All heavy atoms as atom14 arrays in JSON, in Angstrom:
{
  "sequence": "ELVAQITSGGTTYYTDSVKGRFTISRDNTKNTVYLQMNSLKPEDTA",
  "atom14_mask": [
    [1, 1, 1, 1, 1, 1, 1, 1, 1, 0, 0, 0, 0, 0],
    [1, 1, 1, 1, 1, 1, 1, 1, 0, 0, 0, 0, 0, 0],
    [1, 1, 1, 1, 1, 1, 1, 0, 0, 0, 0, 0, 0, 0],
    [1, 1, 1, 1, 1, 0, 0, 0, 0, 0, 0, 0, 0, 0],
    [1, 1, 1, 1, 1, 1, 1, 1, 1, 0, 0, 0, 0, 0],
    [1, 1, 1, 1, 1, 1, 1, 1, 0, 0, 0, 0, 0, 0],
    [1, 1, 1, 1, 1, 1, 1, 0, 0, 0, 0, 0, 0, 0],
    [1, 1, 1, 1, 1, 1, 0, 0, 0, 0, 0, 0, 0, 0],
    [1, 1, 1, 1, 0, 0, 0, 0, 0, 0, 0, 0, 0, 0],
    [1, 1, 1, 1, 0, 0, 0, 0, 0, 0, 0, 0, 0, 0],
    [1, 1, 1, 1, 1, 1, 1, 0, 0, 0, 0, 0, 0, 0],
    [1, 1, 1, 1, 1, 1, 1, 0, 0, 0, 0, 0, 0, 0],
    [1, 1, 1, 1, 1, 1, 1, 1, 1, 1, 1, 1, 0, 0],
    [1, 1, 1, 1, 1, 1, 1, 1, 1, 1, 1, 1, 0, 0],
    [1, 1, 1, 1, 1, 1, 1, 0, 0, 0, 0, 0, 0, 0],
    [1, 1, 1, 1, 1, 1, 1, 1, 0, 0, 0, 0, 0, 0],
    [1, 1, 1, 1, 1, 1, 0, 0, 0, 0, 0, 0, 0, 0],
    [1, 1, 1, 1, 1, 1, 1, 0, 0, 0, 0, 0, 0, 0],
    [1, 1, 1, 1, 1, 1, 1, 1, 1, 0, 0, 0, 0, 0],
    [1, 1, 1, 1, 0, 0, 0, 0, 0, 0, 0, 0, 0, 0],
    [1, 1, 1, 1, 1, 1, 1, 1, 1, 1, 1, 0, 0, 0],
    [1, 1, 1, 1, 1, 1, 1, 1, 1, 1, 1, 0, 0, 0],
    [1, 1, 1, 1, 1, 1, 1, 0, 0, 0, 0, 0, 0, 0],
    [1, 1, 1, 1, 1, 1, 1, 1, 0, 0, 0, 0, 0, 0],
    [1, 1, 1, 1, 1, 1, 0, 0, 0, 0, 0, 0, 0, 0],
    [1, 1, 1, 1, 1, 1, 1, 1, 1, 1, 1, 0, 0, 0],
    [1, 1, 1, 1, 1, 1, 1, 1, 0, 0, 0, 0, 0, 0],
    [1, 1, 1, 1, 1, 1, 1, 1, 0, 0, 0, 0, 0, 0],
    [1, 1, 1, 1, 1, 1, 1, 0, 0, 0, 0, 0, 0, 0],
    [1, 1, 1, 1, 1, 1, 1, 1, 1, 0, 0, 0, 0, 0],
    [1, 1, 1, 1, 1, 1, 1, 1, 0, 0, 0, 0, 0, 0],
    [1, 1, 1, 1, 1, 1, 1, 0, 0, 0, 0, 0, 0, 0],
    [1, 1, 1, 1, 1, 1, 1, 0, 0, 0, 0, 0, 0, 0],
    [1, 1, 1, 1, 1, 1, 1, 1, 1, 1, 1, 1, 0, 0],
    [1, 1, 1, 1, 1, 1, 1, 1, 0, 0, 0, 0, 0, 0],
    [1, 1, 1, 1, 1, 1, 1, 1, 1, 0, 0, 0, 0, 0],
    [1, 1, 1, 1, 1, 1, 1, 1, 0, 0, 0, 0, 0, 0],
    [1, 1, 1, 1, 1, 1, 1, 1, 0, 0, 0, 0, 0, 0],
    [1, 1, 1, 1, 1, 1, 0, 0, 0, 0, 0, 0, 0, 0],
    [1, 1, 1, 1, 1, 1, 1, 1, 0, 0, 0, 0, 0, 0],
    [1, 1, 1, 1, 1, 1, 1, 1, 1, 0, 0, 0, 0, 0],
    [1, 1, 1, 1, 1, 1, 1, 0, 0, 0, 0, 0, 0, 0],
    [1, 1, 1, 1, 1, 1, 1, 1, 1, 0, 0, 0, 0, 0],
    [1, 1, 1, 1, 1, 1, 1, 1, 0, 0, 0, 0, 0, 0],
    [1, 1, 1, 1, 1, 1, 1, 0, 0, 0, 0, 0, 0, 0],
    [1, 1, 1, 1, 1, 0, 0, 0, 0, 0, 0, 0, 0, 0]
  ],
  "atom14_positions": [
    [[177.12, 47.52, 251.98], [175.78, 47.91, 251.56], [174.84, 46.7, 251.57], [175.27, 45.56, 251.35], [175.79, 48.52, 250.15], [176.21, 47.56, 249.05], [175.96, 48.09, 247.64], [175.21, 49.08, 247.49], [176.51, 47.51, 246.7], [0.0, 0.0, 0.0], [0.0, 0.0, 0.0], [0.0, 0.0, 0.0], [0.0, 0.0, 0.0], [0.0, 0.0, 0.0]],
    [[173.58, 46.99, 251.81], [172.55, 45.96, 251.75], [172.25, 45.64, 250.29], [171.98, 46.53, 249.5], [171.28, 46.44, 252.45], [170.06, 45.54, 252.35], [170.32, 44.19, 253.02], [168.84, 46.22, 252.98], [0.0, 0.0, 0.0], [0.0, 0.0, 0.0], [0.0, 0.0, 0.0], [0.0, 0.0, 0.0], [0.0, 0.0, 0.0], [0.0, 0.0, 0.0]],
    [[172.31, 44.35, 249.97], [172.02, 43.91, 248.61], [170.58, 43.41, 248.5], [169.86, 43.81, 247.59], [172.98, 42.77, 248.2], [172.62, 42.23, 246.83], [174.43, 43.26, 248.24], [0.0, 0.0, 0.0], [0.0, 0.0, 0.0], [0.0, 0.0, 0.0], [0.0, 0.0, 0.0], [0.0, 0.0, 0.0], [0.0, 0.0, 0.0], [0.0, 0.0, 0.0]],
    [[170.19, 42.56, 249.42], [168.85, 41.99, 249.38], [168.5, 41.46, 250.76], [169.39, 41.09, 251.53], [168.75, 40.85, 248.37], [0.0, 0.0, 0.0], [0.0, 0.0, 0.0], [0.0, 0.0, 0.0], [0.0, 0.0, 0.0], [0.0, 0.0, 0.0], [0.0, 0.0, 0.0], [0.0, 0.0, 0.0], [0.0, 0.0, 0.0], [0.0, 0.0, 0.0]],
    [[167.21, 41.43, 251.07], [166.78, 40.85, 252.33], [165.42, 40.22, 252.16], [164.67, 40.55, 251.22], [166.77, 41.87, 253.47], [165.74, 42.97, 253.34], [165.81, 43.94, 254.52], [166.85, 44.12, 255.15], [164.69, 44.58, 254.8], [0.0, 0.0, 0.0], [0.0, 0.0, 0.0], [0.0, 0.0, 0.0], [0.0, 0.0, 0.0], [0.0, 0.0, 0.0]],
    [[165.11, 39.31, 253.07], [163.83, 38.61, 253.02], [163.33, 38.45, 254.45], [164.1, 38.1, 255.36], [163.97, 37.25, 252.31], [162.61, 36.56, 252.17], [164.98, 36.35, 252.99], [162.63, 35.36, 251.24], [0.0, 0.0, 0.0], [0.0, 0.0, 0.0], [0.0, 0.0, 0.0], [0.0, 0.0, 0.0], [0.0, 0.0, 0.0], [0.0, 0.0, 0.0]],
    [[162.06, 38.71, 254.65], [161.48, 38.59, 255.98], [160.97, 37.16, 256.2], [160.89, 36.36, 255.25], [160.31, 39.56, 256.18], [159.22, 39.14, 255.34], [160.72, 40.98, 255.83], [0.0, 0.0, 0.0], [0.0, 0.0, 0.0], [0.0, 0.0, 0.0], [0.0, 0.0, 0.0], [0.0, 0.0, 0.0], [0.0, 0.0, 0.0], [0.0, 0.0, 0.0]],
    [[160.58, 36.89, 257.41], [160.04, 35.57, 257.72], [158.74, 35.32, 256.97], [158.37, 34.16, 256.73], [159.81, 35.43, 259.22], [158.97, 36.46, 259.69], [0.0, 0.0, 0.0], [0.0, 0.0, 0.0], [0.0, 0.0, 0.0], [0.0, 0.0, 0.0], [0.0, 0.0, 0.0], [0.0, 0.0, 0.0], [0.0, 0.0, 0.0], [0.0, 0.0, 0.0]],
    [[158.06, 36.39, 256.58], [156.83, 36.26, 255.82], [157.04, 36.18, 254.33], [156.08, 36.05, 253.57], [0.0, 0.0, 0.0], [0.0, 0.0, 0.0], [0.0, 0.0, 0.0], [0.0, 0.0, 0.0], [0.0, 0.0, 0.0], [0.0, 0.0, 0.0], [0.0, 0.0, 0.0], [0.0, 0.0, 0.0], [0.0, 0.0, 0.0], [0.0, 0.0, 0.0]],
    [[158.31, 36.3, 253.89], [158.61, 36.18, 252.48], [158.71, 37.48, 251.7], [158.93, 37.47, 250.49], [0.0, 0.0, 0.0], [0.0, 0.0, 0.0], [0.0, 0.0, 0.0], [0.0, 0.0, 0.0], [0.0, 0.0, 0.0], [0.0, 0.0, 0.0], [0.0, 0.0, 0.0], [0.0, 0.0, 0.0], [0.0, 0.0, 0.0], [0.0, 0.0, 0.0]],
    [[158.57, 38.6, 252.4], [158.71, 39.89, 251.72], [160.18, 40.14, 251.4], [161.04, 39.98, 252.26], [158.17, 41.02, 252.61], [156.79, 40.77, 252.88], [158.32, 42.36, 251.91], [0.0, 0.0, 0.0], [0.0, 0.0, 0.0], [0.0, 0.0, 0.0], [0.0, 0.0, 0.0], [0.0, 0.0, 0.0], [0.0, 0.0, 0.0], [0.0, 0.0, 0.0]],
    [[160.42, 40.55, 250.17], [161.8, 40.75, 249.74], [162.07, 42.21, 249.41], [161.16, 42.99, 249.11], [162.13, 39.9, 248.5], [161.21, 40.23, 247.45], [162.03, 38.42, 248.81], [0.0, 0.0, 0.0], [0.0, 0.0, 0.0], [0.0, 0.0, 0.0], [0.0, 0.0, 0.0], [0.0, 0.0, 0.0], [0.0, 0.0, 0.0], [0.0, 0.0, 0.0]],
    [[163.35, 42.54, 249.5], [163.84, 43.87, 249.13], [165.14, 43.67, 248.36], [165.96, 42.81, 248.71], [164.11, 44.72, 250.37], [164.99, 45.92, 250.07], [164.45, 47.1, 249.58], [166.37, 45.83, 250.22], [165.27, 48.18, 249.27], [167.2, 46.89, 249.92], [166.65, 48.06, 249.44], [167.45, 49.12, 249.12], [0.0, 0.0, 0.0], [0.0, 0.0, 0.0]],
    [[165.33, 44.48, 247.32], [166.57, 44.46, 246.55], [167.05, 45.89, 246.33], [166.25, 46.79, 246.04], [166.36, 43.8, 245.18], [165.93, 42.37, 245.25], [164.58, 42.03, 245.23], [166.86, 41.34, 245.36], [164.17, 40.71, 245.29], [166.47, 40.02, 245.42], [165.11, 39.71, 245.4], [164.72, 38.39, 245.48], [0.0, 0.0, 0.0], [0.0, 0.0, 0.0]],
    [[168.34, 46.07, 246.42], [168.88, 47.36, 246.04], [168.73, 47.51, 244.52], [168.72, 46.51, 243.78], [170.34, 47.5, 246.48], [170.76, 48.85, 246.37], [171.27, 46.61, 245.66], [0.0, 0.0, 0.0], [0.0, 0.0, 0.0], [0.0, 0.0, 0.0], [0.0, 0.0, 0.0], [0.0, 0.0, 0.0], [0.0, 0.0, 0.0], [0.0, 0.0, 0.0]],
    [[168.62, 48.73, 244.06], [168.29, 48.96, 242.66], [169.27, 48.29, 241.68], [168.86, 47.8, 240.63], [168.25, 50.47, 242.37], [167.0, 51.13, 242.92], [166.04, 50.41, 243.27], [166.99, 52.37, 243.01], [0.0, 0.0, 0.0], [0.0, 0.0, 0.0], [0.0, 0.0, 0.0], [0.0, 0.0, 0.0], [0.0, 0.0, 0.0], [0.0, 0.0, 0.0]],
    [[170.53, 48.28, 242.04], [171.54, 47.8, 241.1], [171.45, 46.29, 240.82], [172.06, 45.81, 239.87], [172.94, 48.15, 241.59], [173.19, 47.53, 242.83], [0.0, 0.0, 0.0], [0.0, 0.0, 0.0], [0.0, 0.0, 0.0], [0.0, 0.0, 0.0], [0.0, 0.0, 0.0], [0.0, 0.0, 0.0], [0.0, 0.0, 0.0], [0.0, 0.0, 0.0]],
    [[170.72, 45.55, 241.64], [170.63, 44.1, 241.44], [169.23, 43.64, 241.08], [169.02, 42.45, 240.82], [171.13, 43.32, 242.68], [172.51, 43.81, 243.1], [170.15, 43.4, 243.84], [0.0, 0.0, 0.0], [0.0, 0.0, 0.0], [0.0, 0.0, 0.0], [0.0, 0.0, 0.0], [0.0, 0.0, 0.0], [0.0, 0.0, 0.0], [0.0, 0.0, 0.0]],
    [[168.27, 44.53, 241.05], [166.9, 44.14, 240.72], [166.84, 43.5, 239.35], [167.43, 43.99, 238.38], [165.98, 45.38, 240.76], [165.65, 45.85, 242.16], [164.74, 47.06, 242.12], [164.41, 47.53, 243.53], [163.57, 48.76, 243.52], [0.0, 0.0, 0.0], [0.0, 0.0, 0.0], [0.0, 0.0, 0.0], [0.0, 0.0, 0.0], [0.0, 0.0, 0.0]],
    [[166.14, 42.39, 239.29], [166.01, 41.66, 238.03], [167.15, 40.7, 237.76], [167.08, 39.9, 236.82], [0.0, 0.0, 0.0], [0.0, 0.0, 0.0], [0.0, 0.0, 0.0], [0.0, 0.0, 0.0], [0.0, 0.0, 0.0], [0.0, 0.0, 0.0], [0.0, 0.0, 0.0], [0.0, 0.0, 0.0], [0.0, 0.0, 0.0], [0.0, 0.0, 0.0]],
    [[168.21, 40.77, 238.55], [169.36, 39.88, 238.36], [169.57, 38.93, 239.54], [170.0, 37.8, 239.36], [170.64, 40.7, 238.13], [170.59, 41.63, 236.94], [171.95, 42.25, 236.66], [172.43, 43.09, 237.75], [173.58, 42.9, 238.42], [174.36, 41.89, 238.09], [173.94, 43.74, 239.39], [0.0, 0.0, 0.0], [0.0, 0.0, 0.0], [0.0, 0.0, 0.0]],
    [[169.31, 39.41, 240.74], [169.52, 38.61, 241.96], [168.18, 38.19, 242.55], [167.2, 38.92, 242.46], [170.27, 39.43, 243.01], [171.71, 39.72, 242.69], [172.26, 39.48, 241.44], [172.54, 40.26, 243.67], [173.58, 39.76, 241.16], [173.87, 40.55, 243.41], [174.38, 40.31, 242.15], [0.0, 0.0, 0.0], [0.0, 0.0, 0.0], [0.0, 0.0, 0.0]],
    [[168.18, 37.02, 243.17], [166.99, 36.53, 243.85], [167.38, 35.97, 245.21], [168.25, 35.09, 245.28], [166.29, 35.44, 243.04], [165.95, 35.94, 241.74], [165.01, 34.98, 243.74], [0.0, 0.0, 0.0], [0.0, 0.0, 0.0], [0.0, 0.0, 0.0], [0.0, 0.0, 0.0], [0.0, 0.0, 0.0], [0.0, 0.0, 0.0], [0.0, 0.0, 0.0]],
    [[166.73, 36.47, 246.25], [166.97, 35.96, 247.6], [165.85, 35.0, 247.97], [164.68, 35.22, 247.59], [167.08, 37.11, 248.62], [167.56, 36.57, 249.98], [165.78, 37.88, 248.74], [167.89, 37.68, 250.98], [0.0, 0.0, 0.0], [0.0, 0.0, 0.0], [0.0, 0.0, 0.0], [0.0, 0.0, 0.0], [0.0, 0.0, 0.0], [0.0, 0.0, 0.0]],
    [[166.2, 33.95, 248.69], [165.19, 33.01, 249.15], [165.66, 32.42, 250.48], [166.85, 32.49, 250.8], [164.95, 31.9, 248.12], [166.13, 31.17, 247.87], [0.0, 0.0, 0.0], [0.0, 0.0, 0.0], [0.0, 0.0, 0.0], [0.0, 0.0, 0.0], [0.0, 0.0, 0.0], [0.0, 0.0, 0.0], [0.0, 0.0, 0.0], [0.0, 0.0, 0.0]],
    [[164.72, 31.87, 251.21], [165.07, 31.24, 252.48], [164.34, 29.91, 252.59], [163.17, 29.82, 252.2], [164.79, 32.14, 253.68], [163.34, 32.5, 253.89], [163.18, 33.61, 254.95], [163.4, 33.13, 256.31], [163.49, 33.95, 257.37], [163.4, 35.26, 257.2], [163.69, 33.46, 258.57], [0.0, 0.0, 0.0], [0.0, 0.0, 0.0], [0.0, 0.0, 0.0]],
    [[165.04, 28.93, 253.11], [164.46, 27.61, 253.35], [164.55, 27.36, 254.84], [165.61, 26.95, 255.34], [165.19, 26.54, 252.55], [164.53, 25.18, 252.64], [163.78, 24.94, 253.61], [164.79, 24.35, 251.75], [0.0, 0.0, 0.0], [0.0, 0.0, 0.0], [0.0, 0.0, 0.0], [0.0, 0.0, 0.0], [0.0, 0.0, 0.0], [0.0, 0.0, 0.0]],
    [[163.47, 27.61, 255.55], [163.48, 27.45, 257.0], [163.69, 25.99, 257.42], [164.18, 25.73, 258.52], [162.17, 27.98, 257.6], [162.08, 29.5, 257.5], [163.08, 30.18, 257.34], [160.87, 30.02, 257.59], [0.0, 0.0, 0.0], [0.0, 0.0, 0.0], [0.0, 0.0, 0.0], [0.0, 0.0, 0.0], [0.0, 0.0, 0.0], [0.0, 0.0, 0.0]],
    [[163.34, 25.05, 256.57], [163.53, 23.64, 256.91], [165.0, 23.24, 256.88], [165.41, 22.29, 257.53], [162.73, 22.73, 255.97], [163.26, 22.84, 254.65], [161.26, 23.1, 255.95], [0.0, 0.0, 0.0], [0.0, 0.0, 0.0], [0.0, 0.0, 0.0], [0.0, 0.0, 0.0], [0.0, 0.0, 0.0], [0.0, 0.0, 0.0], [0.0, 0.0, 0.0]],
    [[165.79, 23.97, 256.09], [167.23, 23.7, 255.99], [168.06, 24.75, 256.71], [169.29, 24.7, 256.66], [167.64, 23.63, 254.52], [167.0, 22.48, 253.76], [167.51, 22.42, 252.33], [166.91, 21.24, 251.58], [167.38, 21.17, 250.18], [0.0, 0.0, 0.0], [0.0, 0.0, 0.0], [0.0, 0.0, 0.0], [0.0, 0.0, 0.0], [0.0, 0.0, 0.0]],
    [[167.39, 25.71, 257.35], [168.09, 26.8, 258.06], [169.08, 27.5, 257.14], [170.21, 27.81, 257.56], [168.81, 26.25, 259.3], [167.86, 25.58, 260.26], [166.7, 25.95, 260.38], [168.34, 24.56, 260.96], [0.0, 0.0, 0.0], [0.0, 0.0, 0.0], [0.0, 0.0, 0.0], [0.0, 0.0, 0.0], [0.0, 0.0, 0.0], [0.0, 0.0, 0.0]],
    [[168.66, 27.76, 255.94], [169.57, 28.3, 254.93], [168.89, 29.41, 254.14], [167.7, 29.33, 253.83], [170.04, 27.19, 253.97], [170.7, 26.16, 254.72], [171.03, 27.74, 252.94], [0.0, 0.0, 0.0], [0.0, 0.0, 0.0], [0.0, 0.0, 0.0], [0.0, 0.0, 0.0], [0.0, 0.0, 0.0], [0.0, 0.0, 0.0], [0.0, 0.0, 0.0]],
    [[169.69, 30.41, 253.82], [169.26, 31.51, 252.97], [170.15, 31.49, 251.72], [171.35, 31.24, 251.82], [169.37, 32.86, 253.68], [168.95, 33.99, 252.77], [168.53, 32.85, 254.95], [0.0, 0.0, 0.0], [0.0, 0.0, 0.0], [0.0, 0.0, 0.0], [0.0, 0.0, 0.0], [0.0, 0.0, 0.0], [0.0, 0.0, 0.0], [0.0, 0.0, 0.0]],
    [[169.54, 31.77, 250.6], [170.26, 31.73, 249.33], [170.23, 33.09, 248.63], [169.32, 33.88, 248.83], [169.64, 30.7, 248.39], [169.56, 29.31, 248.96], [168.4, 28.84, 249.57], [170.66, 28.46, 248.91], [168.32, 27.57, 250.1], [170.59, 27.17, 249.44], [169.42, 26.74, 250.04], [169.36, 25.47, 250.56], [0.0, 0.0, 0.0], [0.0, 0.0, 0.0]],
    [[171.24, 33.32, 247.81], [171.24, 34.48, 246.92], [171.67, 33.98, 245.55], [172.83, 33.65, 245.33], [172.19, 35.57, 247.41], [172.15, 36.86, 246.58], [170.79, 37.55, 246.77], [173.28, 37.81, 246.99], [0.0, 0.0, 0.0], [0.0, 0.0, 0.0], [0.0, 0.0, 0.0], [0.0, 0.0, 0.0], [0.0, 0.0, 0.0], [0.0, 0.0, 0.0]],
    [[170.7, 33.9, 244.65], [170.99, 33.52, 243.26], [171.36, 34.78, 242.51], [170.59, 35.73, 242.47], [169.76, 32.87, 242.63], [169.95, 32.49, 241.17], [170.97, 31.39, 240.98], [170.99, 30.4, 241.7], [171.84, 31.56, 239.98], [0.0, 0.0, 0.0], [0.0, 0.0, 0.0], [0.0, 0.0, 0.0], [0.0, 0.0, 0.0], [0.0, 0.0, 0.0]],
    [[172.55, 34.76, 241.93], [173.06, 35.94, 241.23], [173.27, 35.6, 239.77], [174.09, 34.73, 239.44], [174.37, 36.4, 241.87], [174.25, 36.66, 243.36], [175.74, 37.38, 244.08], [176.91, 36.06, 243.82], [0.0, 0.0, 0.0], [0.0, 0.0, 0.0], [0.0, 0.0, 0.0], [0.0, 0.0, 0.0], [0.0, 0.0, 0.0], [0.0, 0.0, 0.0]],
    [[172.52, 36.25, 238.91], [172.62, 36.04, 237.47], [173.11, 37.31, 236.78], [173.07, 38.39, 237.36], [171.27, 35.63, 236.89], [170.74, 34.34, 237.47], [171.51, 33.43, 237.81], [169.43, 34.23, 237.6], [0.0, 0.0, 0.0], [0.0, 0.0, 0.0], [0.0, 0.0, 0.0], [0.0, 0.0, 0.0], [0.0, 0.0, 0.0], [0.0, 0.0, 0.0]],
    [[173.56, 37.15, 235.54], [174.02, 38.31, 234.76], [175.0, 39.15, 235.55], [174.88, 40.39, 235.62], [172.82, 39.15, 234.31], [171.91, 38.39, 233.55], [0.0, 0.0, 0.0], [0.0, 0.0, 0.0], [0.0, 0.0, 0.0], [0.0, 0.0, 0.0], [0.0, 0.0, 0.0], [0.0, 0.0, 0.0], [0.0, 0.0, 0.0], [0.0, 0.0, 0.0]],
    [[175.96, 38.51, 236.14], [176.91, 39.2, 237.01], [177.75, 40.2, 236.23], [178.09, 39.99, 235.06], [177.8, 38.19, 237.73], [177.12, 37.49, 238.9], [177.86, 36.21, 239.28], [177.03, 38.43, 240.11], [0.0, 0.0, 0.0], [0.0, 0.0, 0.0], [0.0, 0.0, 0.0], [0.0, 0.0, 0.0], [0.0, 0.0, 0.0], [0.0, 0.0, 0.0]],
    [[178.07, 41.29, 236.92], [178.87, 42.36, 236.34], [180.13, 42.56, 237.17], [180.14, 42.23, 238.37], [178.06, 43.66, 236.35], [176.72, 43.57, 235.62], [175.93, 44.87, 235.78], [174.58, 44.8, 235.07], [173.82, 46.06, 235.22], [0.0, 0.0, 0.0], [0.0, 0.0, 0.0], [0.0, 0.0, 0.0], [0.0, 0.0, 0.0], [0.0, 0.0, 0.0]],
    [[181.17, 43.13, 236.58], [182.39, 43.39, 237.36], [182.13, 44.22, 238.61], [182.79, 44.01, 239.64], [183.28, 44.14, 236.36], [182.87, 43.61, 235.03], [181.38, 43.41, 235.14], [0.0, 0.0, 0.0], [0.0, 0.0, 0.0], [0.0, 0.0, 0.0], [0.0, 0.0, 0.0], [0.0, 0.0, 0.0], [0.0, 0.0, 0.0], [0.0, 0.0, 0.0]],
    [[181.16, 45.11, 238.54], [180.86, 45.95, 239.72], [180.17, 45.17, 240.84], [179.97, 45.71, 241.93], [180.0, 47.16, 239.32], [178.78, 46.84, 238.49], [179.02, 47.01, 237.0], [180.09, 46.57, 236.51], [178.13, 47.57, 236.32], [0.0, 0.0, 0.0], [0.0, 0.0, 0.0], [0.0, 0.0, 0.0], [0.0, 0.0, 0.0], [0.0, 0.0, 0.0]],
    [[179.83, 43.92, 240.6], [179.29, 43.07, 241.67], [180.41, 42.45, 242.51], [180.14, 41.79, 243.52], [178.44, 41.94, 241.09], [177.17, 42.44, 240.4], [176.53, 43.36, 240.96], [176.85, 41.92, 239.32], [0.0, 0.0, 0.0], [0.0, 0.0, 0.0], [0.0, 0.0, 0.0], [0.0, 0.0, 0.0], [0.0, 0.0, 0.0], [0.0, 0.0, 0.0]],
    [[181.65, 42.65, 242.1], [182.79, 42.11, 242.84], [182.84, 42.7, 244.25], [182.82, 43.91, 244.43], [184.1, 42.43, 242.1], [184.11, 41.73, 240.85], [185.31, 41.99, 242.92], [0.0, 0.0, 0.0], [0.0, 0.0, 0.0], [0.0, 0.0, 0.0], [0.0, 0.0, 0.0], [0.0, 0.0, 0.0], [0.0, 0.0, 0.0], [0.0, 0.0, 0.0]],
    [[182.86, 41.81, 245.23], [182.85, 42.24, 246.63], [182.9, 41.01, 247.52], [182.79, 39.87, 247.04], [181.57, 43.03, 246.94], [0.0, 0.0, 0.0], [0.0, 0.0, 0.0], [0.0, 0.0, 0.0], [0.0, 0.0, 0.0], [0.0, 0.0, 0.0], [0.0, 0.0, 0.0], [0.0, 0.0, 0.0], [0.0, 0.0, 0.0], [0.0, 0.0, 0.0]]
  ]
}
């Protein structure tokens, strides 16, 4: 399942179950995308 995505323009999308807990970001200078996951739950196991 899709958890989160971010466009080149910075628009983000989150699936409902992670809204408010996960944050996606991208650093084009480092060619890296991040997913900060807070308040993790057992159902996030995957």
